[in-house]
Each structure stands twice: as structure tokens, then as C-alpha cells.
Protein backbone atom coordinates (compact mmCIF):
# COMPACT_ATOMS: atom_id res chain seq x y z
CA MET A 1 0.01 0.02 0.01
CA LYS A 2 1.42 3.37 -0.91
CA ALA A 3 1.30 6.05 1.78
CA SER A 4 0.40 9.60 0.87
CA PHE A 5 2.09 12.58 2.46
CA LYS A 6 0.25 15.44 0.77
CA GLY A 7 0.23 18.38 3.11
CA PRO A 8 1.04 17.72 6.75
CA MET A 9 1.58 14.16 7.90
CA VAL A 10 -1.72 12.53 8.68
CA ALA A 11 -1.30 10.59 11.89
CA VAL A 12 -3.95 8.83 13.89
CA ALA A 13 -4.13 11.86 16.07
CA THR A 14 -4.96 14.38 13.39
CA PHE A 15 -8.53 13.22 12.90
CA VAL A 16 -9.82 15.71 15.39
CA LEU A 17 -9.25 18.26 12.64
CA ALA A 18 -6.00 19.97 13.59
CA THR A 19 -5.90 19.11 17.28
CA GLY A 20 -2.27 18.06 17.27
CA ALA A 21 -0.15 15.05 16.45
CA SER A 22 -0.72 13.13 19.67
CA SER A 23 -4.25 14.03 20.77
CA LEU A 24 -5.81 10.72 19.76
CA ALA A 25 -3.20 8.68 21.51
CA LEU A 26 -3.43 10.86 24.57
CA ALA A 27 -7.22 10.93 24.46
CA GLN A 28 -7.28 7.17 24.18
CA GLN A 29 -4.78 6.78 27.01
CA HIS A 30 -6.66 9.23 29.24
CA THR A 31 -9.94 7.46 28.61
CA THR A 32 -8.43 4.05 29.25
CA GLU A 33 -6.03 4.83 32.08
CA ASN A 34 -7.70 7.76 33.82
CA PRO A 35 -11.24 8.62 32.77
CA ALA A 36 -11.28 11.65 35.10
CA ALA A 37 -8.17 13.16 33.47
CA PRO A 38 -8.57 16.41 31.53
CA PRO A 39 -9.13 16.10 27.78
CA ALA A 40 -6.07 15.55 25.60
CA GLY A 41 -6.34 19.00 24.06
CA ALA A 42 -6.15 20.69 27.45
CA ALA A 43 -2.50 19.93 28.10
CA GLN A 44 -0.75 17.78 25.55
CA GLN A 45 2.54 16.16 26.38
CA ALA A 46 5.51 17.00 24.22
CA PRO A 47 7.04 14.04 22.32
CA GLN A 48 10.06 14.13 24.62
CA GLN A 49 7.78 13.44 27.61
CA GLN A 50 6.26 10.39 25.88
CA GLY A 51 9.62 8.70 25.72
CA ALA A 52 12.76 8.98 23.67
CA MET A 53 12.02 9.71 20.04
CA PRO A 54 13.47 7.03 17.81
CA GLN A 55 15.88 7.92 15.05
CA SER A 56 15.13 7.07 11.43
CA ALA A 57 17.80 4.37 11.41
CA ASP A 58 16.22 2.76 14.49
CA ILE A 59 12.97 2.10 12.64
CA SER A 60 12.95 -1.30 10.99
CA ASP A 61 11.67 -1.95 7.48
CA GLN A 62 8.94 -4.05 9.08
CA ASP A 63 7.87 -1.14 11.25
CA VAL A 64 7.88 1.18 8.21
CA GLN A 65 5.66 -1.32 6.40
CA ARG A 66 3.31 -1.62 9.37
CA PHE A 67 3.14 2.15 9.66
CA ALA A 68 2.32 2.58 5.95
CA GLU A 69 -0.42 -0.02 6.23
CA ALA A 70 -1.84 1.59 9.38
CA GLN A 71 -1.66 5.04 7.86
CA GLY A 72 -3.68 3.95 4.83
CA LYS A 73 -6.36 2.51 7.10
CA VAL A 74 -6.36 5.61 9.29
CA ASN A 75 -6.72 7.89 6.27
CA ASP A 76 -9.68 5.85 5.05
CA ILE A 77 -11.37 6.09 8.47
CA LYS A 78 -10.63 9.81 8.64
CA GLN A 79 -12.25 10.42 5.25
CA GLU A 80 -15.25 8.32 6.21
CA TYR A 81 -15.89 10.24 9.41
CA GLN A 82 -15.16 13.77 8.19
CA GLY A 83 -18.51 13.84 6.38
CA LYS A 84 -20.30 12.49 9.40
CA LEU A 85 -18.71 15.16 11.57
CA GLN A 86 -19.72 17.92 9.19
CA GLU A 87 -23.30 16.65 9.17
CA SER A 88 -23.41 16.73 12.97
CA ALA A 89 -21.83 20.19 13.34
CA GLN A 90 -25.03 21.59 14.84
CA ASP A 91 -25.14 18.87 17.53
CA PRO A 92 -22.01 18.99 19.68
CA GLN A 93 -22.97 15.85 21.64
CA LYS A 94 -23.44 13.83 18.48
CA ALA A 95 -20.21 15.23 17.00
CA MET A 96 -18.36 14.11 20.13
CA GLU A 97 -19.82 10.66 19.90
CA ILE A 98 -18.83 10.38 16.21
CA GLN A 99 -15.35 11.64 17.04
CA GLN A 100 -14.93 9.03 19.77
CA GLU A 101 -16.17 6.28 17.46
CA ALA A 102 -13.68 7.33 14.80
CA GLN A 103 -10.86 7.44 17.33
CA GLN A 104 -11.66 3.93 18.47
CA GLU A 105 -11.68 2.69 14.89
CA MET A 106 -8.37 4.38 14.18
CA VAL A 107 -6.75 2.94 17.29
CA GLN A 108 -8.05 -0.49 16.29
CA ALA A 109 -6.67 -0.05 12.74
CA VAL A 110 -3.23 0.81 14.10
CA GLU A 111 -3.26 -2.11 16.48
CA ASP A 112 -4.50 -4.46 13.76
CA SER A 113 -1.43 -3.43 11.75
CA GLY A 114 0.80 -4.73 14.52
CA MET A 115 1.73 -1.39 16.11
CA ASP A 116 0.71 0.46 19.24
CA VAL A 117 -0.56 4.01 18.99
CA GLN A 118 2.49 5.51 20.67
CA GLN A 119 4.83 3.86 18.20
CA TYR A 120 2.64 4.95 15.28
CA ASN A 121 2.56 8.53 16.49
CA GLN A 122 6.33 8.60 17.07
CA ILE A 123 6.98 7.42 13.50
CA ALA A 124 4.47 9.93 12.16
CA GLN A 125 6.10 12.77 14.07
CA LEU A 126 9.60 11.73 13.02
CA ALA A 127 8.52 11.41 9.36
CA GLN A 128 7.44 15.03 9.37
CA TYR A 129 11.06 16.10 9.73
CA ASP A 130 13.03 13.15 8.36
CA ASN A 131 13.05 13.02 4.59
CA GLU A 132 14.76 9.62 4.51
CA LEU A 133 12.06 8.05 6.70
CA ARG A 134 9.29 9.75 4.73
CA GLN A 135 10.71 8.30 1.51
CA ARG A 136 10.89 4.86 3.06
CA ILE A 137 7.20 5.12 4.04
CA GLU A 138 6.13 6.47 0.65
CA SER A 139 7.86 3.58 -1.11
CA GLN A 140 5.63 1.03 0.69
């Protein structure tokens, strides 16, 4: 599957329409680990706080392939749900429910590809700045 990098890198987290590169992962972690925690958008962690950022050379070809597969699935889910979100723009509660459903599907797509969300987001963030990694992903 060929990954597309038109415009900014589309990571799992970007579904919330420009809420940041790690909001989905953080939202998912907050919901799972601490339901009473503030929403992910309230105070996002910097990538350095999530753990050491891998270097391009540290990312195996298998991980690049998994990432490209997951990214394709995530992009499909994002496109599917964008229309639903636009239709529910007048109903914030429904929009939130749709957003949560989409996030769950994207997390599942990433995990079904053999990655965890944190690893996926780290590769996505690194690919934004690392041309070599981005080319490796695009060649998948």
C-alpha cells in the first residue's frame, strides 16, 4: 500500500481536525487509564515526555511497512468520518460521539497493523522532519 504525504503528515491523532499530532493517543490513554483526566487538548505532552524519540535508522523496514499499512487505514477512516462530523456540526454531543467512534476505529486499525498508537505517532512525528524516513514510508 502506498502512503500519501500530501500536506502535513496525517497521523492517527490528526482526525480531530487539527488538534495536534498526539491528541488521539493521549485521548485514548486518558480514557483508558484515567477517565477523570482532563481532555487531551487541554495539556498535551511533548514528544520528549512520551519517551525517547526514535531515530530514522532505528525504525525497521517491518515497522515502516506496518506504519504505511496503518496510515492507509487511518486515512480511510478519517475520510469516512469527516462527512459524518460535518453533518453533525449543529449537535456537539453527536459530534463528540462520532469523534470518539472514529478514534476507536483508528486505534483499532493501528493495532490491527501490529503497532501500538504511541509507536505509530512517534513514527508519524519523526517522518514530518526526516526526509529519509518519509521516503521509506512512501515507497511502501
